[in-house]
Amino acid sequence: MKNTKKLAALALGGLLFATSAAGIATASSQLNGSIKITQDNEANYANLASVNIDQAVASALKAQPGQVIKAGLENEDGYLVWGVEIASNN
């Protein structure tokens, strides 16, 4: 049975936090980011990020091998992060 995991990578540090879908709220509260979002304008997220989508996906797959379902920049507790969802067999 496949299990979907969500990984959030801090855009500047590329730091990854892996959680199950049920535990994402717990992991989000533990994030310490370096790119603070002062105005929640998603159109500018790509300009703020210092890690591109390819780098974020590569880091996520290194931490949790599997198939990438989706990836995108997100506002997690006021910090810019890459959200990468991965389906894996474990």
PDB file of N, CA and C in Angstrom:
ATOM      1  N   MET A   1       0.845  -1.178   0.000  1.00  0.00           N
ATOM      2  CA  MET A   1       0.000   0.000   0.000  1.00  0.00           C
ATOM      3  C   MET A   1       0.889   1.240   0.000  1.00  0.00           C
ATOM      4  N   LYS A   2       0.547   2.179  -0.875  1.00  0.00           N
ATOM      5  CA  LYS A   2       1.353   3.386  -0.960  1.00  0.00           C
ATOM      6  C   LYS A   2       0.940   4.377   0.106  1.00  0.00           C
ATOM      7  N   ASN A   3       1.915   5.099   0.590  1.00  0.00           N
ATOM      8  CA  ASN A   3       1.703   6.080   1.645  1.00  0.00           C
ATOM      9  C   ASN A   3       2.226   7.404   1.126  1.00  0.00           C
ATOM     10  N   THR A   4       1.444   8.464   1.269  1.00  0.00           N
ATOM     11  CA  THR A   4       1.889   9.783   0.823  1.00  0.00           C
ATOM     12  C   THR A   4       2.501  10.520   1.986  1.00  0.00           C
ATOM     13  N   LYS A   5       3.670  11.046   1.752  1.00  0.00           N
ATOM     14  CA  LYS A   5       4.362  11.834   2.770  1.00  0.00           C
ATOM     15  C   LYS A   5       4.566  13.225   2.224  1.00  0.00           C
ATOM     16  N   LYS A   6       4.521  14.174   3.097  1.00  0.00           N
ATOM     17  CA  LYS A   6       4.748  15.554   2.690  1.00  0.00           C
ATOM     18  C   LYS A   6       6.040  16.026   3.312  1.00  0.00           C
ATOM     19  N   LEU A   7       6.875  16.598   2.481  1.00  0.00           N
ATOM     20  CA  LEU A   7       8.147  17.132   2.946  1.00  0.00           C
ATOM     21  C   LEU A   7       8.142  18.640   2.752  1.00  0.00           C
ATOM     22  N   ALA A   8       8.550  19.326   3.735  1.00  0.00           N
ATOM     23  CA  ALA A   8       8.678  20.775   3.623  1.00  0.00           C
ATOM     24  C   ALA A   8      10.151  21.126   3.713  1.00  0.00           C
ATOM     25  N   ALA A   9      10.658  21.784   2.703  1.00  0.00           N
ATOM     26  CA  ALA A   9      12.074  22.153   2.676  1.00  0.00           C
ATOM     27  C   ALA A   9      12.176  23.663   2.799  1.00  0.00           C
ATOM     28  N   LEU A  10      12.909  24.132   3.749  1.00  0.00           N
ATOM     29  CA  LEU A  10      13.116  25.567   3.865  1.00  0.00           C
ATOM     30  C   LEU A  10      13.829  26.047   2.616  1.00  0.00           C
ATOM     31  N   ALA A  11      13.310  27.101   2.024  1.00  0.00           N
ATOM     32  CA  ALA A  11      13.818  27.554   0.739  1.00  0.00           C
ATOM     33  C   ALA A  11      15.279  27.950   0.800  1.00  0.00           C
ATOM     34  N   LEU A  12      15.726  28.583   1.859  1.00  0.00           N
ATOM     35  CA  LEU A  12      17.123  29.020   1.909  1.00  0.00           C
ATOM     36  C   LEU A  12      18.061  27.891   2.270  1.00  0.00           C
ATOM     37  N   GLY A  13      17.744  27.157   3.307  1.00  0.00           N
ATOM     38  CA  GLY A  13      18.654  26.138   3.791  1.00  0.00           C
ATOM     39  C   GLY A  13      18.500  24.796   3.130  1.00  0.00           C
ATOM     40  N   GLY A  14      17.375  24.543   2.467  1.00  0.00           N
ATOM     41  CA  GLY A  14      17.143  23.235   1.890  1.00  0.00           C
ATOM     42  C   GLY A  14      16.925  22.179   2.958  1.00  0.00           C
ATOM     43  N   LEU A  15      16.633  22.608   4.170  1.00  0.00           N
ATOM     44  CA  LEU A  15      16.427  21.707   5.286  1.00  0.00           C
ATOM     45  C   LEU A  15      15.082  21.015   5.127  1.00  0.00           C
ATOM     46  N   LEU A  16      15.023  19.715   5.383  1.00  0.00           N
ATOM     47  CA  LEU A  16      13.804  18.950   5.147  1.00  0.00           C
ATOM     48  C   LEU A  16      13.184  18.447   6.433  1.00  0.00           C
ATOM     49  N   PHE A  17      11.876  18.447   6.453  1.00  0.00           N
ATOM     50  CA  PHE A  17      11.121  17.871   7.550  1.00  0.00           C
ATOM     51  C   PHE A  17      10.105  16.916   6.945  1.00  0.00           C
ATOM     52  N   ALA A  18      10.181  15.612   7.282  1.00  0.00           N
ATOM     53  CA  ALA A  18       9.258  14.632   6.725  1.00  0.00           C
ATOM     54  C   ALA A  18       8.196  14.293   7.748  1.00  0.00           C
ATOM     55  N   THR A  19       6.964  14.259   7.272  1.00  0.00           N
ATOM     56  CA  THR A  19       5.863  13.907   8.151  1.00  0.00           C
ATOM     57  C   THR A  19       4.825  13.135   7.364  1.00  0.00           C
ATOM     58  N   SER A  20       3.970  12.433   8.047  1.00  0.00           N
ATOM     59  CA  SER A  20       2.834  11.833   7.373  1.00  0.00           C
ATOM     60  C   SER A  20       1.790  12.916   7.179  1.00  0.00           C
ATOM     61  N   ALA A  21       0.813  12.677   6.317  1.00  0.00           N
ATOM     62  CA  ALA A  21      -0.222  13.673   6.058  1.00  0.00           C
ATOM     63  C   ALA A  21      -0.958  14.025   7.345  1.00  0.00           C
ATOM     64  N   ALA A  22      -1.147  13.077   8.225  1.00  0.00           N
ATOM     65  CA  ALA A  22      -1.860  13.332   9.479  1.00  0.00           C
ATOM     66  C   ALA A  22      -1.033  14.185  10.438  1.00  0.00           C
ATOM     67  N   GLY A  23       0.280  14.142  10.335  1.00  0.00           N
ATOM     68  CA  GLY A  23       1.128  14.857  11.272  1.00  0.00           C
ATOM     69  C   GLY A  23       1.691  16.159  10.752  1.00  0.00           C
ATOM     70  N   ILE A  24       1.214  16.654   9.627  1.00  0.00           N
ATOM     71  CA  ILE A  24       1.810  17.844   9.032  1.00  0.00           C
ATOM     72  C   ILE A  24       1.655  19.072   9.925  1.00  0.00           C
ATOM     73  N   ALA A  25       0.563  19.204  10.657  1.00  0.00           N
ATOM     74  CA  ALA A  25       0.375  20.364  11.523  1.00  0.00           C
ATOM     75  C   ALA A  25       1.433  20.399  12.621  1.00  0.00           C
ATOM     76  N   THR A  26       1.793  19.242  13.144  1.00  0.00           N
ATOM     77  CA  THR A  26       2.824  19.165  14.178  1.00  0.00           C
ATOM     78  C   THR A  26       4.172  19.594  13.625  1.00  0.00           C
ATOM     79  N   ALA A  27       4.528  19.117  12.447  1.00  0.00           N
ATOM     80  CA  ALA A  27       5.821  19.461  11.851  1.00  0.00           C
ATOM     81  C   ALA A  27       5.879  20.938  11.503  1.00  0.00           C
ATOM     82  N   SER A  28       4.778  21.493  11.022  1.00  0.00           N
ATOM     83  CA  SER A  28       4.773  22.901  10.645  1.00  0.00           C
ATOM     84  C   SER A  28       5.074  23.791  11.834  1.00  0.00           C
ATOM     85  N   SER A  29       4.605  23.420  13.005  1.00  0.00           N
ATOM     86  CA  SER A  29       4.838  24.256  14.169  1.00  0.00           C
ATOM     87  C   SER A  29       6.290  24.209  14.628  1.00  0.00           C
ATOM     88  N   GLN A  30       7.078  23.280  14.104  1.00  0.00           N
ATOM     89  CA  GLN A  30       8.473  23.139  14.493  1.00  0.00           C
ATOM     90  C   GLN A  30       9.432  23.794  13.505  1.00  0.00           C
ATOM     91  N   LEU A  31       8.919  24.348  12.418  1.00  0.00           N
ATOM     92  CA  LEU A  31       9.783  24.950  11.408  1.00  0.00           C
ATOM     93  C   LEU A  31      10.437  26.224  11.921  1.00  0.00           C
ATOM     94  N   ASN A  32      11.706  26.358  11.660  1.00  0.00           N
ATOM     95  CA  ASN A  32      12.442  27.580  11.926  1.00  0.00           C
ATOM     96  C   ASN A  32      13.043  28.013  10.596  1.00  0.00           C
ATOM     97  N   GLY A  33      12.387  28.926   9.931  1.00  0.00           N
ATOM     98  CA  GLY A  33      12.819  29.312   8.599  1.00  0.00           C
ATOM     99  C   GLY A  33      13.736  30.508   8.596  1.00  0.00           C
ATOM    100  N   SER A  34      14.281  30.776   7.428  1.00  0.00           N
ATOM    101  CA  SER A  34      15.170  31.909   7.291  1.00  0.00           C
ATOM    102  C   SER A  34      14.604  32.952   6.331  1.00  0.00           C
ATOM    103  N   ILE A  35      13.584  32.594   5.559  1.00  0.00           N
ATOM    104  CA  ILE A  35      12.965  33.556   4.654  1.00  0.00           C
ATOM    105  C   ILE A  35      11.575  33.860   5.188  1.00  0.00           C
ATOM    106  N   LYS A  36      11.462  34.972   5.892  1.00  0.00           N
ATOM    107  CA  LYS A  36      10.206  35.399   6.501  1.00  0.00           C
ATOM    108  C   LYS A  36       9.325  36.036   5.432  1.00  0.00           C
ATOM    109  N   ILE A  37       8.069  35.655   5.417  1.00  0.00           N
ATOM    110  CA  ILE A  37       7.116  36.240   4.477  1.00  0.00           C
ATOM    111  C   ILE A  37       6.414  37.392   5.182  1.00  0.00           C
ATOM    112  N   THR A  38       6.612  38.603   4.671  1.00  0.00           N
ATOM    113  CA  THR A  38       6.001  39.769   5.298  1.00  0.00           C
ATOM    114  C   THR A  38       4.672  40.129   4.639  1.00  0.00           C
ATOM    115  N   GLN A  39       4.534  39.826   3.354  1.00  0.00           N
ATOM    116  CA  GLN A  39       3.271  40.041   2.644  1.00  0.00           C
ATOM    117  C   GLN A  39       2.937  38.736   1.937  1.00  0.00           C
ATOM    118  N   ASP A  40       1.769  38.195   2.236  1.00  0.00           N
ATOM    119  CA  ASP A  40       1.388  36.896   1.675  1.00  0.00           C
ATOM    120  C   ASP A  40       0.897  37.049   0.241  1.00  0.00           C
ATOM    121  N   ASN A  41       1.846  37.223  -0.672  1.00  0.00           N
ATOM    122  CA  ASN A  41       1.559  37.361  -2.094  1.00  0.00           C
ATOM    123  C   ASN A  41       2.253  36.218  -2.822  1.00  0.00           C
ATOM    124  N   GLU A  42       1.499  35.154  -3.113  1.00  0.00           N
ATOM    125  CA  GLU A  42       2.085  33.950  -3.701  1.00  0.00           C
ATOM    126  C   GLU A  42       2.802  34.207  -5.016  1.00  0.00           C
ATOM    127  N   ALA A  43       2.434  35.240  -5.727  1.00  0.00           N
ATOM    128  CA  ALA A  43       3.078  35.550  -7.003  1.00  0.00           C
ATOM    129  C   ALA A  43       4.555  35.886  -6.824  1.00  0.00           C
ATOM    130  N   ASN A  44       4.948  36.350  -5.631  1.00  0.00           N
ATOM    131  CA  ASN A  44       6.341  36.729  -5.382  1.00  0.00           C
ATOM    132  C   ASN A  44       7.171  35.633  -4.722  1.00  0.00           C
ATOM    133  N   TYR A  45       6.559  34.507  -4.393  1.00  0.00           N
ATOM    134  CA  TYR A  45       7.295  33.443  -3.700  1.00  0.00           C
ATOM    135  C   TYR A  45       8.529  32.992  -4.482  1.00  0.00           C
ATOM    136  N   ALA A  46       8.398  32.805  -5.776  1.00  0.00           N
ATOM    137  CA  ALA A  46       9.528  32.323  -6.582  1.00  0.00           C
ATOM    138  C   ALA A  46      10.696  33.305  -6.546  1.00  0.00           C
ATOM    139  N   ASN A  47      10.404  34.603  -6.473  1.00  0.00           N
ATOM    140  CA  ASN A  47      11.463  35.616  -6.407  1.00  0.00           C
ATOM    141  C   ASN A  47      12.188  35.596  -5.073  1.00  0.00           C
ATOM    142  N   LEU A  48      11.512  35.150  -4.012  1.00  0.00           N
ATOM    143  CA  LEU A  48      12.115  35.104  -2.681  1.00  0.00           C
ATOM    144  C   LEU A  48      12.985  33.865  -2.466  1.00  0.00           C
ATOM    145  N   ALA A  49      12.619  32.775  -3.126  1.00  0.00           N
ATOM    146  CA  ALA A  49      13.292  31.493  -2.897  1.00  0.00           C
ATOM    147  C   ALA A  49      14.721  31.502  -3.423  1.00  0.00           C
ATOM    148  N   SER A  50      15.623  30.935  -2.634  1.00  0.00           N
ATOM    149  CA  SER A  50      17.010  30.815  -3.085  1.00  0.00           C
ATOM    150  C   SER A  50      17.325  29.388  -3.523  1.00  0.00           C
ATOM    151  N   VAL A  51      16.359  28.488  -3.390  1.00  0.00           N
ATOM    152  CA  VAL A  51      16.468  27.111  -3.854  1.00  0.00           C
ATOM    153  C   VAL A  51      15.387  26.925  -4.902  1.00  0.00           C
ATOM    154  N   ASN A  52      15.757  26.407  -6.086  1.00  0.00           N
ATOM    155  CA  ASN A  52      14.748  26.229  -7.125  1.00  0.00           C
ATOM    156  C   ASN A  52      14.017  24.894  -6.949  1.00  0.00           C
ATOM    157  N   ILE A  53      12.990  24.677  -7.746  1.00  0.00           N
ATOM    158  CA  ILE A  53      12.161  23.485  -7.602  1.00  0.00           C
ATOM    159  C   ILE A  53      12.960  22.198  -7.822  1.00  0.00           C
ATOM    160  N   ASP A  54      13.889  22.199  -8.755  1.00  0.00           N
ATOM    161  CA  ASP A  54      14.698  21.001  -9.001  1.00  0.00           C
ATOM    162  C   ASP A  54      15.539  20.637  -7.781  1.00  0.00           C
ATOM    163  N   GLN A  55      16.121  21.641  -7.136  1.00  0.00           N
ATOM    164  CA  GLN A  55      16.922  21.402  -5.933  1.00  0.00           C
ATOM    165  C   GLN A  55      16.043  20.909  -4.780  1.00  0.00           C
ATOM    166  N   ALA A  56      14.862  21.495  -4.633  1.00  0.00           N
ATOM    167  CA  ALA A  56      13.950  21.087  -3.563  1.00  0.00           C
ATOM    168  C   ALA A  56      13.487  19.642  -3.760  1.00  0.00           C
ATOM    169  N   VAL A  57      13.130  19.288  -4.986  1.00  0.00           N
ATOM    170  CA  VAL A  57      12.682  17.930  -5.284  1.00  0.00           C
ATOM    171  C   VAL A  57      13.822  16.936  -5.074  1.00  0.00           C
ATOM    172  N   ALA A  58      15.027  17.277  -5.512  1.00  0.00           N
ATOM    173  CA  ALA A  58      16.176  16.384  -5.321  1.00  0.00           C
ATOM    174  C   ALA A  58      16.438  16.140  -3.832  1.00  0.00           C
ATOM    175  N   SER A  59      16.362  17.188  -3.015  1.00  0.00           N
ATOM    176  CA  SER A  59      16.566  17.035  -1.574  1.00  0.00           C
ATOM    177  C   SER A  59      15.477  16.182  -0.951  1.00  0.00           C
ATOM    178  N   ALA A  60      14.244  16.399  -1.373  1.00  0.00           N
ATOM    179  CA  ALA A  60      13.121  15.628  -0.840  1.00  0.00           C
ATOM    180  C   ALA A  60      13.259  14.149  -1.194  1.00  0.00           C
ATOM    181  N   LEU A  61      13.628  13.858  -2.440  1.00  0.00           N
ATOM    182  CA  LEU A  61      13.784  12.468  -2.874  1.00  0.00           C
ATOM    183  C   LEU A  61      14.963  11.782  -2.187  1.00  0.00           C
ATOM    184  N   LYS A  62      15.975  12.550  -1.832  1.00  0.00           N
ATOM    185  CA  LYS A  62      17.100  11.983  -1.094  1.00  0.00           C
ATOM    186  C   LYS A  62      16.657  11.565   0.309  1.00  0.00           C
ATOM    187  N   ALA A  63      15.807  12.385   0.919  1.00  0.00           N
ATOM    188  CA  ALA A  63      15.312  12.089   2.266  1.00  0.00           C
ATOM    189  C   ALA A  63      14.231  11.019   2.259  1.00  0.00           C
ATOM    190  N   GLN A  64      13.401  10.990   1.211  1.00  0.00           N
ATOM    191  CA  GLN A  64      12.301  10.031   1.118  1.00  0.00           C
ATOM    192  C   GLN A  64      12.150   9.594  -0.338  1.00  0.00           C
ATOM    193  N   PRO A  65      12.790   8.494  -0.728  1.00  0.00           N
ATOM    194  CA  PRO A  65      12.658   8.021  -2.108  1.00  0.00           C
ATOM    195  C   PRO A  65      11.204   7.681  -2.441  1.00  0.00           C
ATOM    196  N   GLY A  66      10.836   7.881  -3.669  1.00  0.00           N
ATOM    197  CA  GLY A  66       9.487   7.573  -4.130  1.00  0.00           C
ATOM    198  C   GLY A  66       9.164   8.368  -5.372  1.00  0.00           C
ATOM    199  N   GLN A  67       7.867   8.545  -5.614  1.00  0.00           N
ATOM    200  CA  GLN A  67       7.398   9.282  -6.781  1.00  0.00           C
ATOM    201  C   GLN A  67       6.823  10.618  -6.319  1.00  0.00           C
ATOM    202  N   VAL A  68       7.300  11.700  -6.929  1.00  0.00           N
ATOM    203  CA  VAL A  68       6.818  13.035  -6.578  1.00  0.00           C
ATOM    204  C   VAL A  68       5.397  13.199  -7.102  1.00  0.00           C
ATOM    205  N   ILE A  69       4.491  13.574  -6.206  1.00  0.00           N
ATOM    206  CA  ILE A  69       3.101  13.826  -6.565  1.00  0.00           C
ATOM    207  C   ILE A  69       2.913  15.287  -6.947  1.00  0.00           C
ATOM    208  N   LYS A  70       3.446  16.192  -6.118  1.00  0.00           N
ATOM    209  CA  LYS A  70       3.409  17.623  -6.436  1.00  0.00           C
ATOM    210  C   LYS A  70       4.446  18.351  -5.596  1.00  0.00           C
ATOM    211  N   ALA A  71       4.800  19.544  -6.073  1.00  0.00           N
ATOM    212  CA  ALA A  71       5.774  20.376  -5.362  1.00  0.00           C
ATOM    213  C   ALA A  71       5.414  21.838  -5.596  1.00  0.00           C
ATOM    214  N   GLY A  72       5.614  22.654  -4.576  1.00  0.00           N
ATOM    215  CA  GLY A  72       5.339  24.073  -4.729  1.00  0.00           C
ATOM    216  C   GLY A  72       5.776  24.856  -3.510  1.00  0.00           C
ATOM    217  N   LEU A  73       5.916  26.150  -3.682  1.00  0.00           N
ATOM    218  CA  LEU A  73       6.281  27.031  -2.581  1.00  0.00           C
ATOM    219  C   LEU A  73       5.046  27.327  -1.738  1.00  0.00           C
ATOM    220  N   GLU A  74       5.249  27.334  -0.410  1.00  0.00           N
ATOM    221  CA  GLU A  74       4.144  27.519   0.516  1.00  0.00           C
ATOM    222  C   GLU A  74       4.543  28.457   1.650  1.00  0.00           C
ATOM    223  N   ASN A  75       3.547  29.018   2.292  1.00  0.00           N
ATOM    224  CA  ASN A  75       3.729  29.821   3.495  1.00  0.00           C
ATOM    225  C   ASN A  75       3.425  28.919   4.677  1.00  0.00           C
ATOM    226  N   GLU A  76       4.451  28.548   5.417  1.00  0.00           N
ATOM    227  CA  GLU A  76       4.297  27.716   6.614  1.00  0.00           C
ATOM    228  C   GLU A  76       4.652  28.550   7.828  1.00  0.00           C
ATOM    229  N   ASP A  77       3.645  28.944   8.568  1.00  0.00           N
ATOM    230  CA  ASP A  77       3.836  29.727   9.788  1.00  0.00           C
ATOM    231  C   ASP A  77       4.659  30.996   9.546  1.00  0.00           C
ATOM    232  N   GLY A  78       4.430  31.633   8.399  1.00  0.00           N
ATOM    233  CA  GLY A  78       5.109  32.888   8.102  1.00  0.00           C
ATOM    234  C   GLY A  78       6.466  32.752   7.438  1.00  0.00           C
ATOM    235  N   TYR A  79       6.868  31.526   7.103  1.00  0.00           N
ATOM    236  CA  TYR A  79       8.149  31.290   6.438  1.00  0.00           C
ATOM    237  C   TYR A  79       7.933  30.618   5.096  1.00  0.00           C
ATOM    238  N   LEU A  80       8.770  30.936   4.136  1.00  0.00           N
ATOM    239  CA  LEU A  80       8.703  30.362   2.805  1.00  0.00           C
ATOM    240  C   LEU A  80       9.339  28.980   2.809  1.00  0.00           C
ATOM    241  N   VAL A  81       8.593  27.981   2.372  1.00  0.00           N
ATOM    242  CA  VAL A  81       9.100  26.612   2.312  1.00  0.00           C
ATOM    243  C   VAL A  81       8.670  25.957   1.005  1.00  0.00           C
ATOM    244  N   TRP A  82       9.430  24.962   0.607  1.00  0.00           N
ATOM    245  CA  TRP A  82       9.011  24.104  -0.503  1.00  0.00           C
ATOM    246  C   TRP A  82       8.214  22.966   0.088  1.00  0.00           C
ATOM    247  N   GLY A  83       7.022  22.748  -0.409  1.00  0.00           N
ATOM    248  CA  GLY A  83       6.213  21.598  -0.031  1.00  0.00           C
ATOM    249  C   GLY A  83       6.335  20.564  -1.135  1.00  0.00           C
ATOM    250  N   VAL A  84       6.811  19.379  -0.806  1.00  0.00           N
ATOM    251  CA  VAL A  84       6.968  18.308  -1.789  1.00  0.00           C
ATOM    252  C   VAL A  84       6.233  17.089  -1.289  1.00  0.00           C
ATOM    253  N   GLU A  85       5.247  16.623  -2.024  1.00  0.00           N
ATOM    254  CA  GLU A  85       4.517  15.420  -1.641  1.00  0.00           C
ATOM    255  C   GLU A  85       5.059  14.255  -2.443  1.00  0.00           C
ATOM    256  N   ILE A  86       5.381  13.175  -1.716  1.00  0.00           N
ATOM    257  CA  ILE A  86       5.995  11.983  -2.311  1.00  0.00           C
ATOM    258  C   ILE A  86       5.185  10.748  -1.941  1.00  0.00           C
ATOM    259  N   ALA A  87       4.896   9.928  -2.922  1.00  0.00           N
ATOM    260  CA  ALA A  87       4.257   8.636  -2.666  1.00  0.00           C
ATOM    261  C   ALA A  87       5.371   7.600  -2.595  1.00  0.00           C
ATOM    262  N   SER A  88       5.347   6.789  -1.531  1.00  0.00           N
ATOM    263  CA  SER A  88       6.366   5.762  -1.373  1.00  0.00           C
ATOM    264  C   SER A  88       5.727   4.472  -0.903  1.00  0.00           C
ATOM    265  N   ASN A  89       6.455   3.387  -1.013  1.00  0.00           N
ATOM    266  CA  ASN A  89       5.958   2.082  -0.583  1.00  0.00           C
ATOM    267  C   ASN A  89       6.167   1.837   0.895  1.00  0.00           C
ATOM    268  N   ASN A  90       6.928   2.699   1.572  1.00  0.00           N
ATOM    269  CA  ASN A  90       7.153   2.538   3.002  1.00  0.00           C
ATOM    270  C   ASN A  90       6.642   3.744   3.693  1.00  0.00           C
TER     271      ASN A  90
END
